[in-house]
Amino acid sequence: MPKIKTNRGAAKRFKTTATGKIKRKKSGLRHILTSKATGRKRGLGKSTLVAKSDEKMINRLIPYG
């Protein structure tokens, strides 16, 4: 069985936690920040977990991550 290639774009965007869950950054913090509230921007800066329904798909992209 040959090794599976890691999707490099996904490897840069997602990290696997010690328990096997997948961590991701939130979107919406690049530009047009003046119209967003301070608390909202603070929340967008924090990372979050990928939805359970999407985990299987991302695990295929980062098999060794």
PDB file of N, CA and C in Angstrom:
ATOM      1  N   MET A   1       0.850  -1.191   0.000  1.00  0.00           N
ATOM      2  CA  MET A   1       0.000   0.000   0.000  1.00  0.00           C
ATOM      3  C   MET A   1       0.886   1.242   0.000  1.00  0.00           C
ATOM      4  N   PRO A   2       0.751   2.117  -0.995  1.00  0.00           N
ATOM      5  CA  PRO A   2       1.575   3.325  -0.998  1.00  0.00           C
ATOM      6  C   PRO A   2       1.095   4.341   0.043  1.00  0.00           C
ATOM      7  N   LYS A   3       2.014   5.216   0.400  1.00  0.00           N
ATOM      8  CA  LYS A   3       1.674   6.268   1.358  1.00  0.00           C
ATOM      9  C   LYS A   3       0.732   7.276   0.702  1.00  0.00           C
ATOM     10  N   ILE A   4      -0.093   7.916   1.524  1.00  0.00           N
ATOM     11  CA  ILE A   4      -1.039   8.920   1.030  1.00  0.00           C
ATOM     12  C   ILE A   4      -0.359  10.281   1.079  1.00  0.00           C
ATOM     13  N   LYS A   5      -0.539  11.056   0.014  1.00  0.00           N
ATOM     14  CA  LYS A   5       0.033  12.410  -0.004  1.00  0.00           C
ATOM     15  C   LYS A   5      -0.845  13.347   0.817  1.00  0.00           C
ATOM     16  N   THR A   6      -0.195  14.182   1.609  1.00  0.00           N
ATOM     17  CA  THR A   6      -0.890  15.191   2.390  1.00  0.00           C
ATOM     18  C   THR A   6      -1.227  16.369   1.497  1.00  0.00           C
ATOM     19  N   ASN A   7      -2.439  16.885   1.616  1.00  0.00           N
ATOM     20  CA  ASN A   7      -2.819  18.095   0.901  1.00  0.00           C
ATOM     21  C   ASN A   7      -2.148  19.270   1.614  1.00  0.00           C
ATOM     22  N   ARG A   8      -1.194  19.925   0.947  1.00  0.00           N
ATOM     23  CA  ARG A   8      -0.388  20.957   1.584  1.00  0.00           C
ATOM     24  C   ARG A   8      -1.204  22.181   2.001  1.00  0.00           C
ATOM     25  N   GLY A   9      -2.231  22.525   1.226  1.00  0.00           N
ATOM     26  CA  GLY A   9      -3.088  23.658   1.586  1.00  0.00           C
ATOM     27  C   GLY A   9      -3.839  23.390   2.878  1.00  0.00           C
ATOM     28  N   ALA A  10      -4.332  22.168   3.028  1.00  0.00           N
ATOM     29  CA  ALA A  10      -5.062  21.790   4.242  1.00  0.00           C
ATOM     30  C   ALA A  10      -4.120  21.684   5.436  1.00  0.00           C
ATOM     31  N   ALA A  11      -2.889  21.217   5.205  1.00  0.00           N
ATOM     32  CA  ALA A  11      -1.914  21.065   6.285  1.00  0.00           C
ATOM     33  C   ALA A  11      -1.569  22.414   6.905  1.00  0.00           C
ATOM     34  N   LYS A  12      -1.619  23.470   6.108  1.00  0.00           N
ATOM     35  CA  LYS A  12      -1.328  24.820   6.611  1.00  0.00           C
ATOM     36  C   LYS A  12      -2.515  25.422   7.355  1.00  0.00           C
ATOM     37  N   ARG A  13      -3.713  24.934   7.076  1.00  0.00           N
ATOM     38  CA  ARG A  13      -4.920  25.510   7.674  1.00  0.00           C
ATOM     39  C   ARG A  13      -5.433  24.756   8.899  1.00  0.00           C
ATOM     40  N   PHE A  14      -5.140  23.478   8.992  1.00  0.00           N
ATOM     41  CA  PHE A  14      -5.681  22.652  10.074  1.00  0.00           C
ATOM     42  C   PHE A  14      -4.573  21.986  10.878  1.00  0.00           C
ATOM     43  N   LYS A  15      -4.831  21.830  12.189  1.00  0.00           N
ATOM     44  CA  LYS A  15      -3.911  21.110  13.067  1.00  0.00           C
ATOM     45  C   LYS A  15      -4.735  20.094  13.850  1.00  0.00           C
ATOM     46  N   THR A  16      -4.133  18.949  14.143  1.00  0.00           N
ATOM     47  CA  THR A  16      -4.813  17.917  14.917  1.00  0.00           C
ATOM     48  C   THR A  16      -4.440  18.067  16.385  1.00  0.00           C
ATOM     49  N   THR A  17      -5.428  17.972  17.270  1.00  0.00           N
ATOM     50  CA  THR A  17      -5.177  18.055  18.706  1.00  0.00           C
ATOM     51  C   THR A  17      -4.746  16.676  19.221  1.00  0.00           C
ATOM     52  N   ALA A  18      -4.346  16.634  20.465  1.00  0.00           N
ATOM     53  CA  ALA A  18      -3.893  15.376  21.070  1.00  0.00           C
ATOM     54  C   ALA A  18      -5.019  14.348  21.158  1.00  0.00           C
ATOM     55  N   THR A  19      -6.258  14.821  21.253  1.00  0.00           N
ATOM     56  CA  THR A  19      -7.401  13.905  21.356  1.00  0.00           C
ATOM     57  C   THR A  19      -7.943  13.498  19.988  1.00  0.00           C
ATOM     58  N   GLY A  20      -7.372  14.061  18.908  1.00  0.00           N
ATOM     59  CA  GLY A  20      -7.786  13.677  17.566  1.00  0.00           C
ATOM     60  C   GLY A  20      -8.761  14.623  16.893  1.00  0.00           C
ATOM     61  N   LYS A  21      -9.145  15.684  17.596  1.00  0.00           N
ATOM     62  CA  LYS A  21     -10.033  16.672  16.994  1.00  0.00           C
ATOM     63  C   LYS A  21      -9.209  17.589  16.086  1.00  0.00           C
ATOM     64  N   ILE A  22      -9.878  18.313  15.192  1.00  0.00           N
ATOM     65  CA  ILE A  22      -9.170  19.173  14.239  1.00  0.00           C
ATOM     66  C   ILE A  22      -9.464  20.632  14.562  1.00  0.00           C
ATOM     67  N   LYS A  23      -8.369  21.401  14.667  1.00  0.00           N
ATOM     68  CA  LYS A  23      -8.444  22.808  15.019  1.00  0.00           C
ATOM     69  C   LYS A  23      -8.339  23.663  13.761  1.00  0.00           C
ATOM     70  N   ARG A  24      -9.041  24.789  13.739  1.00  0.00           N
ATOM     71  CA  ARG A  24      -8.984  25.704  12.600  1.00  0.00           C
ATOM     72  C   ARG A  24      -9.090  27.142  13.078  1.00  0.00           C
ATOM     73  N   LYS A  25      -8.675  28.072  12.213  1.00  0.00           N
ATOM     74  CA  LYS A  25      -8.812  29.505  12.508  1.00  0.00           C
ATOM     75  C   LYS A  25     -10.157  29.974  11.981  1.00  0.00           C
ATOM     76  N   LYS A  26     -10.704  31.014  12.585  1.00  0.00           N
ATOM     77  CA  LYS A  26     -11.953  31.601  12.114  1.00  0.00           C
ATOM     78  C   LYS A  26     -11.666  32.584  10.988  1.00  0.00           C
ATOM     79  N   SER A  27     -12.627  32.745  10.113  1.00  0.00           N
ATOM     80  CA  SER A  27     -12.468  33.683   8.995  1.00  0.00           C
ATOM     81  C   SER A  27     -13.034  35.052   9.373  1.00  0.00           C
ATOM     82  N   GLY A  28     -12.694  36.057   8.573  1.00  0.00           N
ATOM     83  CA  GLY A  28     -13.280  37.380   8.748  1.00  0.00           C
ATOM     84  C   GLY A  28     -12.428  38.371   9.492  1.00  0.00           C
ATOM     85  N   LEU A  29     -11.116  38.132   9.585  1.00  0.00           N
ATOM     86  CA  LEU A  29     -10.250  39.042  10.350  1.00  0.00           C
ATOM     87  C   LEU A  29      -9.142  39.631   9.477  1.00  0.00           C
ATOM     88  N   ARG A  30      -9.341  39.653   8.163  1.00  0.00           N
ATOM     89  CA  ARG A  30      -8.311  40.149   7.254  1.00  0.00           C
ATOM     90  C   ARG A  30      -8.486  41.616   6.879  1.00  0.00           C
ATOM     91  N   HIS A  31      -9.702  42.002   6.535  1.00  0.00           N
ATOM     92  CA  HIS A  31      -9.948  43.389   6.120  1.00  0.00           C
ATOM     93  C   HIS A  31     -11.381  43.782   6.438  1.00  0.00           C
ATOM     94  N   ILE A  32     -11.720  45.045   6.200  1.00  0.00           N
ATOM     95  CA  ILE A  32     -13.006  45.649   6.577  1.00  0.00           C
ATOM     96  C   ILE A  32     -13.273  45.424   8.070  1.00  0.00           C
ATOM     97  N   LEU A  33     -12.322  45.814   8.888  1.00  0.00           N
ATOM     98  CA  LEU A  33     -12.424  45.581  10.324  1.00  0.00           C
ATOM     99  C   LEU A  33     -13.087  46.737  11.066  1.00  0.00           C
ATOM    100  N   THR A  34     -13.215  47.893  10.408  1.00  0.00           N
ATOM    101  CA  THR A  34     -13.789  49.054  11.088  1.00  0.00           C
ATOM    102  C   THR A  34     -15.268  48.871  11.394  1.00  0.00           C
ATOM    103  N   SER A  35     -15.965  48.103  10.564  1.00  0.00           N
ATOM    104  CA  SER A  35     -17.404  47.897  10.778  1.00  0.00           C
ATOM    105  C   SER A  35     -17.701  46.748  11.750  1.00  0.00           C
ATOM    106  N   LYS A  36     -16.663  46.084  12.220  1.00  0.00           N
ATOM    107  CA  LYS A  36     -16.853  44.963  13.155  1.00  0.00           C
ATOM    108  C   LYS A  36     -16.577  45.422  14.588  1.00  0.00           C
ATOM    109  N   ALA A  37     -17.378  44.946  15.508  1.00  0.00           N
ATOM    110  CA  ALA A  37     -17.232  45.316  16.913  1.00  0.00           C
ATOM    111  C   ALA A  37     -15.956  44.720  17.498  1.00  0.00           C
ATOM    112  N   THR A  38     -15.425  45.371  18.520  1.00  0.00           N
ATOM    113  CA  THR A  38     -14.169  44.936  19.143  1.00  0.00           C
ATOM    114  C   THR A  38     -14.275  43.518  19.690  1.00  0.00           C
ATOM    115  N   GLY A  39     -15.388  43.234  20.361  1.00  0.00           N
ATOM    116  CA  GLY A  39     -15.586  41.892  20.910  1.00  0.00           C
ATOM    117  C   GLY A  39     -15.678  40.828  19.837  1.00  0.00           C
ATOM    118  N   ARG A  40     -16.298  41.187  18.737  1.00  0.00           N
ATOM    119  CA  ARG A  40     -16.409  40.254  17.609  1.00  0.00           C
ATOM    120  C   ARG A  40     -15.033  39.950  17.039  1.00  0.00           C
ATOM    121  N   LYS A  41     -14.210  40.987  16.870  1.00  0.00           N
ATOM    122  CA  LYS A  41     -12.862  40.810  16.328  1.00  0.00           C
ATOM    123  C   LYS A  41     -12.003  39.961  17.270  1.00  0.00           C
ATOM    124  N   ARG A  42     -12.178  40.155  18.557  1.00  0.00           N
ATOM    125  CA  ARG A  42     -11.428  39.376  19.546  1.00  0.00           C
ATOM    126  C   ARG A  42     -11.803  37.901  19.435  1.00  0.00           C
ATOM    127  N   GLY A  43     -13.082  37.626  19.240  1.00  0.00           N
ATOM    128  CA  GLY A  43     -13.559  36.256  19.082  1.00  0.00           C
ATOM    129  C   GLY A  43     -13.070  35.607  17.803  1.00  0.00           C
ATOM    130  N   LEU A  44     -12.987  36.396  16.742  1.00  0.00           N
ATOM    131  CA  LEU A  44     -12.513  35.872  15.458  1.00  0.00           C
ATOM    132  C   LEU A  44     -11.033  35.522  15.496  1.00  0.00           C
ATOM    133  N   GLY A  45     -10.296  36.118  16.394  1.00  0.00           N
ATOM    134  CA  GLY A  45      -8.866  35.847  16.505  1.00  0.00           C
ATOM    135  C   GLY A  45      -8.562  34.497  17.134  1.00  0.00           C
ATOM    136  N   LYS A  46      -9.518  33.956  17.855  1.00  0.00           N
ATOM    137  CA  LYS A  46      -9.310  32.673  18.534  1.00  0.00           C
ATOM    138  C   LYS A  46      -9.596  31.513  17.588  1.00  0.00           C
ATOM    139  N   SER A  47      -8.958  30.400  17.844  1.00  0.00           N
ATOM    140  CA  SER A  47      -9.190  29.211  17.017  1.00  0.00           C
ATOM    141  C   SER A  47     -10.389  28.432  17.554  1.00  0.00           C
ATOM    142  N   THR A  48     -10.924  27.567  16.711  1.00  0.00           N
ATOM    143  CA  THR A  48     -12.078  26.755  17.081  1.00  0.00           C
ATOM    144  C   THR A  48     -11.925  25.365  16.486  1.00  0.00           C
ATOM    145  N   LEU A  49     -12.826  24.473  16.816  1.00  0.00           N
ATOM    146  CA  LEU A  49     -12.769  23.111  16.296  1.00  0.00           C
ATOM    147  C   LEU A  49     -13.618  22.979  15.046  1.00  0.00           C
ATOM    148  N   VAL A  50     -13.222  22.083  14.179  1.00  0.00           N
ATOM    149  CA  VAL A  50     -13.959  21.793  12.951  1.00  0.00           C
ATOM    150  C   VAL A  50     -15.220  21.017  13.330  1.00  0.00           C
ATOM    151  N   ALA A  51     -16.292  21.240  12.608  1.00  0.00           N
ATOM    152  CA  ALA A  51     -17.558  20.541  12.859  1.00  0.00           C
ATOM    153  C   ALA A  51     -17.375  19.035  12.695  1.00  0.00           C
ATOM    154  N   LYS A  52     -18.091  18.269  13.472  1.00  0.00           N
ATOM    155  CA  LYS A  52     -17.992  16.808  13.461  1.00  0.00           C
ATOM    156  C   LYS A  52     -18.277  16.239  12.065  1.00  0.00           C
ATOM    157  N   SER A  53     -19.206  16.856  11.343  1.00  0.00           N
ATOM    158  CA  SER A  53     -19.579  16.373  10.012  1.00  0.00           C
ATOM    159  C   SER A  53     -18.465  16.569   8.979  1.00  0.00           C
ATOM    160  N   ASP A  54     -17.562  17.520   9.213  1.00  0.00           N
ATOM    161  CA  ASP A  54     -16.478  17.804   8.276  1.00  0.00           C
ATOM    162  C   ASP A  54     -15.173  17.086   8.621  1.00  0.00           C
ATOM    163  N   GLU A  55     -15.089  16.500   9.804  1.00  0.00           N
ATOM    164  CA  GLU A  55     -13.842  15.886  10.271  1.00  0.00           C
ATOM    165  C   GLU A  55     -13.348  14.769   9.358  1.00  0.00           C
ATOM    166  N   LYS A  56     -14.252  13.918   8.878  1.00  0.00           N
ATOM    167  CA  LYS A  56     -13.859  12.784   8.032  1.00  0.00           C
ATOM    168  C   LYS A  56     -13.193  13.273   6.747  1.00  0.00           C
ATOM    169  N   MET A  57     -13.764  14.316   6.139  1.00  0.00           N
ATOM    170  CA  MET A  57     -13.231  14.866   4.899  1.00  0.00           C
ATOM    171  C   MET A  57     -11.836  15.468   5.113  1.00  0.00           C
ATOM    172  N   ILE A  58     -11.648  16.197   6.203  1.00  0.00           N
ATOM    173  CA  ILE A  58     -10.355  16.845   6.460  1.00  0.00           C
ATOM    174  C   ILE A  58      -9.308  15.812   6.876  1.00  0.00           C
ATOM    175  N   ASN A  59      -9.718  14.764   7.560  1.00  0.00           N
ATOM    176  CA  ASN A  59      -8.780  13.693   7.930  1.00  0.00           C
ATOM    177  C   ASN A  59      -8.203  12.998   6.703  1.00  0.00           C
ATOM    178  N   ARG A  60      -8.949  12.975   5.612  1.00  0.00           N
ATOM    179  CA  ARG A  60      -8.422  12.413   4.364  1.00  0.00           C
ATOM    180  C   ARG A  60      -7.365  13.330   3.770  1.00  0.00           C
ATOM    181  N   LEU A  61      -7.523  14.626   3.963  1.00  0.00           N
ATOM    182  CA  LEU A  61      -6.566  15.591   3.412  1.00  0.00           C
ATOM    183  C   LEU A  61      -5.265  15.637   4.221  1.00  0.00           C
ATOM    184  N   ILE A  62      -5.369  15.436   5.537  1.00  0.00           N
ATOM    185  CA  ILE A  62      -4.178  15.452   6.397  1.00  0.00           C
ATOM    186  C   ILE A  62      -4.069  14.116   7.154  1.00  0.00           C
ATOM    187  N   PRO A  63      -3.712  13.036   6.464  1.00  0.00           N
ATOM    188  CA  PRO A  63      -3.700  11.719   7.094  1.00  0.00           C
ATOM    189  C   PRO A  63      -2.656  11.563   8.194  1.00  0.00           C
ATOM    190  N   TYR A  64      -1.549  12.304   8.133  1.00  0.00           N
ATOM    191  CA  TYR A  64      -0.480  12.155   9.135  1.00  0.00           C
ATOM    192  C   TYR A  64      -0.379  13.394  10.013  1.00  0.00           C
ATOM    193  N   GLY A  65      -1.356  14.292   9.934  1.00  0.00           N
ATOM    194  CA  GLY A  65      -1.314  15.550  10.665  1.00  0.00           C
ATOM    195  C   GLY A  65      -1.876  15.404  12.020  1.00  0.00           C
TER     196      GLY A  65
END
